[in-house]
Amino acid sequence: MSDCVIQAIDLTKVYSMGIVEVHALRGVSFCINRGEVVSIMGPSGSGKSTLMNLLGCLDHPTSGEYILDGESVASLNDDQLASIRNRKVGFVFQSFNLLPRSTALANVELPLRYSGVSTNRIERARKALEAVGLADRVNHKPTELSGGQQQRVAIARALINDPAILMADEPTGNLDSKSGKEIMELILSLNKERGTTVIVVTHDPGIAAQTQRVIRLIDGKLEQPE
């Protein structure tokens, strides 16, 4: 399975709420190949947000193994998870999550600062913004940008460290249909140009239809294909 950039093996996640245990994931196993574009779908309460948190190294599984880009990460401590997350995962959120008082350039540069990169940060951030079509907006703050432009800044920021995977959580959820279409086209074009593995968490069947494969969750388990 050398081509697997993501390998989930019997992942479970149990949350304790007082005396009640909530089984959010119940033994989930799959492989996502390098360069693949995959969507994760499921109704509310299906476990897709929990799965995204595990795949994005934001949380630990209760049991099972998770191998990200050749590294077993399920048993790492929080500091180690943060390090892996910063190097190997780029996040794009529905709400953009940009720093409101910082320029587009400063927002995109931020992960390089966290990674301890000391040279060429500005140049790399400019190139990342050029790659998403915002060369003329580098000094604009989020309030001076449209929703679609803000999401482009978020995508540039997510890709600045050349991560193994780009994880997009409802990336078009706060956008009008035209902007949403443009953002999906951008994500797919970046996948083709860079070979970045893309995981899109979505409720939208139209978005899922643009990906190469759909992982469906029902009650914390993978829905078996018909």
Protein backbone atom coordinates (compact mmCIF):
# COMPACT_ATOMS: atom_id res chain seq x y z
CA MET A 1 0.00 0.00 0.00
CA SER A 2 2.90 2.32 -0.76
CA ASP A 3 0.62 4.70 -2.65
CA CYS A 4 -1.64 5.26 0.37
CA VAL A 5 -1.09 8.77 1.72
CA ILE A 6 -3.88 8.09 4.24
CA GLN A 7 -4.49 4.68 5.77
CA ALA A 8 -7.19 4.31 8.42
CA ILE A 9 -7.27 0.93 10.14
CA ASP A 10 -10.25 0.10 12.36
CA LEU A 11 -10.52 3.64 13.76
CA THR A 12 -12.90 4.15 16.64
CA LYS A 13 -13.79 7.23 18.66
CA VAL A 14 -15.79 7.12 21.86
CA TYR A 15 -16.79 10.26 23.75
CA SER A 16 -17.72 9.98 27.42
CA MET A 17 -20.55 12.30 28.44
CA GLY A 18 -21.03 11.64 32.12
CA ILE A 19 -22.07 8.01 32.41
CA VAL A 20 -23.06 7.88 28.75
CA GLU A 21 -20.64 6.76 26.04
CA VAL A 22 -21.16 8.08 22.54
CA HIS A 23 -19.64 5.92 19.79
CA ALA A 24 -18.88 8.47 17.08
CA LEU A 25 -16.77 6.10 14.94
CA ARG A 26 -17.17 2.34 14.98
CA GLY A 27 -14.22 0.65 13.29
CA VAL A 28 -13.60 2.65 10.12
CA SER A 29 -10.98 1.41 7.62
CA PHE A 30 -10.02 2.80 4.21
CA CYS A 31 -7.09 4.01 2.10
CA ILE A 32 -6.80 7.28 0.19
CA ASN A 33 -4.16 7.25 -2.52
CA ARG A 34 -1.68 10.02 -3.16
CA GLY A 35 -3.14 12.60 -5.54
CA GLU A 36 -6.71 11.36 -5.12
CA VAL A 37 -9.70 13.70 -4.67
CA VAL A 38 -12.16 12.20 -2.19
CA SER A 39 -15.32 13.53 -0.56
CA ILE A 40 -16.68 12.50 2.84
CA MET A 41 -20.46 12.61 3.15
CA GLY A 42 -23.02 11.64 5.75
CA PRO A 43 -26.00 13.02 7.65
CA SER A 44 -25.61 14.97 10.89
CA GLY A 45 -24.37 12.63 13.59
CA SER A 46 -22.84 10.19 11.11
CA GLY A 47 -19.29 10.78 12.39
CA LYS A 48 -17.87 12.75 9.47
CA SER A 49 -16.71 15.69 11.62
CA THR A 50 -15.06 13.26 14.04
CA LEU A 51 -13.38 11.49 11.13
CA MET A 52 -12.17 14.79 9.72
CA ASN A 53 -10.66 15.72 13.09
CA LEU A 54 -8.78 12.42 13.23
CA LEU A 55 -7.55 12.61 9.62
CA GLY A 56 -6.47 16.21 10.16
CA CYS A 57 -4.53 15.28 13.34
CA LEU A 58 -6.79 17.49 15.45
CA ASP A 59 -7.76 14.62 17.75
CA HIS A 60 -6.73 11.09 18.81
CA PRO A 61 -8.72 7.96 17.99
CA THR A 62 -9.89 5.84 20.92
CA SER A 63 -8.45 2.79 19.15
CA GLY A 64 -7.17 1.78 15.74
CA GLU A 65 -4.26 2.94 13.64
CA TYR A 66 -3.88 5.98 11.40
CA ILE A 67 -0.93 6.26 9.02
CA LEU A 68 -0.45 9.68 7.39
CA ASP A 69 2.12 9.96 4.62
CA GLY A 70 4.05 6.99 6.00
CA GLU A 71 3.92 8.04 9.67
CA SER A 72 1.80 6.32 12.30
CA VAL A 73 0.11 9.16 14.17
CA ALA A 74 -2.65 7.60 16.26
CA SER A 75 -0.56 7.38 19.43
CA LEU A 76 1.28 10.72 19.20
CA ASN A 77 0.93 13.31 21.95
CA ASP A 78 -0.64 16.72 21.33
CA ASP A 79 2.64 18.50 20.55
CA GLN A 80 3.66 15.80 18.10
CA LEU A 81 0.23 15.92 16.47
CA ALA A 82 0.54 19.71 16.09
CA SER A 83 3.90 19.30 14.38
CA ILE A 84 2.59 16.67 11.95
CA ARG A 85 -0.52 18.78 11.30
CA ASN A 86 1.50 21.87 10.43
CA ARG A 87 3.78 19.96 8.05
CA LYS A 88 1.40 17.55 6.38
CA VAL A 89 -2.15 18.95 6.47
CA GLY A 90 -3.58 22.10 4.91
CA PHE A 91 -7.03 23.15 6.15
CA VAL A 92 -9.73 25.12 4.35
CA PHE A 93 -12.82 25.93 6.43
CA GLN A 94 -16.32 27.07 5.57
CA SER A 95 -15.80 30.26 7.62
CA PHE A 96 -12.37 31.05 6.05
CA ASN A 97 -10.73 31.57 9.51
CA LEU A 98 -8.59 34.51 8.38
CA LEU A 99 -7.07 37.04 10.79
CA PRO A 100 -9.25 40.12 10.19
CA ARG A 101 -6.58 42.77 10.88
CA SER A 102 -3.90 41.12 8.76
CA THR A 103 -3.38 41.42 5.02
CA ALA A 104 -3.83 38.50 2.65
CA LEU A 105 -0.04 38.24 2.46
CA ALA A 106 0.35 38.11 6.25
CA ASN A 107 -2.41 35.49 6.57
CA VAL A 108 -0.75 33.24 4.00
CA GLU A 109 2.70 33.70 5.53
CA LEU A 110 1.53 32.65 9.01
CA PRO A 111 2.03 28.86 8.71
CA LEU A 112 5.64 29.48 7.63
CA ARG A 113 6.22 31.41 10.86
CA TYR A 114 4.73 28.52 12.87
CA SER A 115 7.02 26.11 11.01
CA GLY A 116 10.10 28.13 11.92
CA VAL A 117 10.86 29.11 8.31
CA SER A 118 13.08 32.19 8.43
CA THR A 119 13.86 32.87 4.76
CA ASN A 120 11.80 33.73 1.68
CA ARG A 121 8.52 33.78 3.59
CA ILE A 122 7.15 36.85 1.82
CA GLU A 123 8.21 35.60 -1.60
CA ARG A 124 6.59 32.21 -1.01
CA ALA A 125 3.39 33.83 0.26
CA ARG A 126 3.24 36.08 -2.82
CA LYS A 127 3.67 33.07 -5.13
CA ALA A 128 0.94 31.18 -3.27
CA LEU A 129 -1.46 34.11 -3.73
CA GLU A 130 -0.51 34.34 -7.40
CA ALA A 131 -1.31 30.64 -7.76
CA VAL A 132 -4.90 31.26 -6.58
CA GLY A 133 -5.36 34.34 -8.76
CA LEU A 134 -4.88 37.04 -6.12
CA ALA A 135 -1.60 38.67 -7.17
CA ASP A 136 -3.33 42.08 -7.10
CA ARG A 137 -4.87 41.59 -3.62
CA VAL A 138 -1.82 40.78 -1.49
CA ASN A 139 -2.14 43.91 0.68
CA HIS A 140 -5.92 43.73 1.13
CA LYS A 141 -7.44 42.74 4.47
CA PRO A 142 -10.29 40.19 4.63
CA THR A 143 -12.93 42.91 4.98
CA GLU A 144 -11.75 44.32 1.65
CA LEU A 145 -12.21 40.99 -0.13
CA SER A 146 -15.26 39.11 -1.36
CA GLY A 147 -16.17 35.75 0.16
CA GLY A 148 -14.70 33.93 -2.82
CA GLN A 149 -11.48 35.94 -2.57
CA GLN A 150 -11.24 35.22 1.17
CA GLN A 151 -11.56 31.51 0.47
CA ARG A 152 -8.79 31.80 -2.14
CA VAL A 153 -6.56 33.35 0.52
CA ALA A 154 -7.44 30.44 2.82
CA ILE A 155 -6.51 27.95 0.09
CA ALA A 156 -3.18 29.71 -0.51
CA ARG A 157 -2.49 29.58 3.23
CA ALA A 158 -3.40 25.87 3.34
CA LEU A 159 -0.96 25.05 0.54
CA ILE A 160 1.97 27.25 1.64
CA ASN A 161 3.78 24.37 3.41
CA ASP A 162 3.20 21.99 0.47
CA PRO A 163 1.16 19.59 2.65
CA ALA A 164 0.55 15.93 1.86
CA ILE A 165 -3.21 16.52 2.03
CA LEU A 166 -5.57 19.45 1.61
CA MET A 167 -8.64 19.05 3.83
CA ALA A 168 -11.60 21.24 2.91
CA ASP A 169 -14.55 21.34 5.33
CA GLU A 170 -17.65 22.57 3.46
CA PRO A 171 -15.39 24.94 1.44
CA THR A 172 -18.29 26.44 -0.56
CA GLY A 173 -20.81 26.55 2.29
CA ASN A 174 -20.62 30.34 2.83
CA LEU A 175 -20.37 31.25 -0.85
CA ASP A 176 -22.88 32.05 -3.58
CA SER A 177 -23.20 29.45 -6.33
CA LYS A 178 -20.89 31.26 -8.78
CA SER A 179 -18.12 31.73 -6.20
CA GLY A 180 -18.60 28.17 -4.95
CA LYS A 181 -18.18 26.82 -8.48
CA GLU A 182 -14.99 28.85 -8.94
CA ILE A 183 -13.55 27.60 -5.62
CA MET A 184 -14.17 23.96 -6.52
CA GLU A 185 -12.62 24.54 -9.96
CA LEU A 186 -9.58 26.07 -8.23
CA ILE A 187 -9.22 23.17 -5.77
CA LEU A 188 -9.48 20.62 -8.59
CA SER A 189 -7.01 22.51 -10.77
CA LEU A 190 -4.49 22.71 -7.90
CA ASN A 191 -4.89 18.96 -7.43
CA LYS A 192 -4.05 18.38 -11.10
CA GLU A 193 -1.13 20.81 -11.14
CA ARG A 194 0.46 19.87 -7.80
CA GLY A 195 -0.80 16.34 -7.23
CA THR A 196 -2.03 17.36 -3.77
CA THR A 197 -4.37 14.81 -2.18
CA VAL A 198 -7.72 16.51 -1.50
CA ILE A 199 -10.40 15.52 1.02
CA VAL A 200 -13.66 17.49 0.87
CA VAL A 201 -16.21 17.17 3.67
CA THR A 202 -19.56 18.20 2.22
CA HIS A 203 -23.34 17.92 2.47
CA ASP A 204 -23.69 18.89 -1.20
CA PRO A 205 -24.11 16.00 -3.69
CA GLY A 206 -23.11 18.38 -6.48
CA ILE A 207 -19.74 18.97 -4.81
CA ALA A 208 -19.26 15.27 -4.07
CA ALA A 209 -19.99 14.43 -7.72
CA GLN A 210 -16.91 16.42 -8.74
CA THR A 211 -14.60 14.21 -6.66
CA GLN A 212 -13.17 10.88 -7.76
CA ARG A 213 -14.63 8.88 -4.88
CA VAL A 214 -17.16 9.33 -2.08
CA ILE A 215 -16.69 7.93 1.43
CA ARG A 216 -20.14 7.75 3.05
CA LEU A 217 -20.63 7.44 6.78
CA ILE A 218 -23.76 6.22 8.52
CA ASP A 219 -23.90 5.95 12.33
CA GLY A 220 -20.12 5.93 12.63
CA LYS A 221 -19.57 3.21 10.04
CA LEU A 222 -18.72 3.20 6.35
CA GLU A 223 -21.76 2.72 4.18
CA GLN A 224 -21.09 -0.29 1.99
CA PRO A 225 -21.30 0.44 -1.75
CA GLU A 226 -24.20 -1.20 -3.53
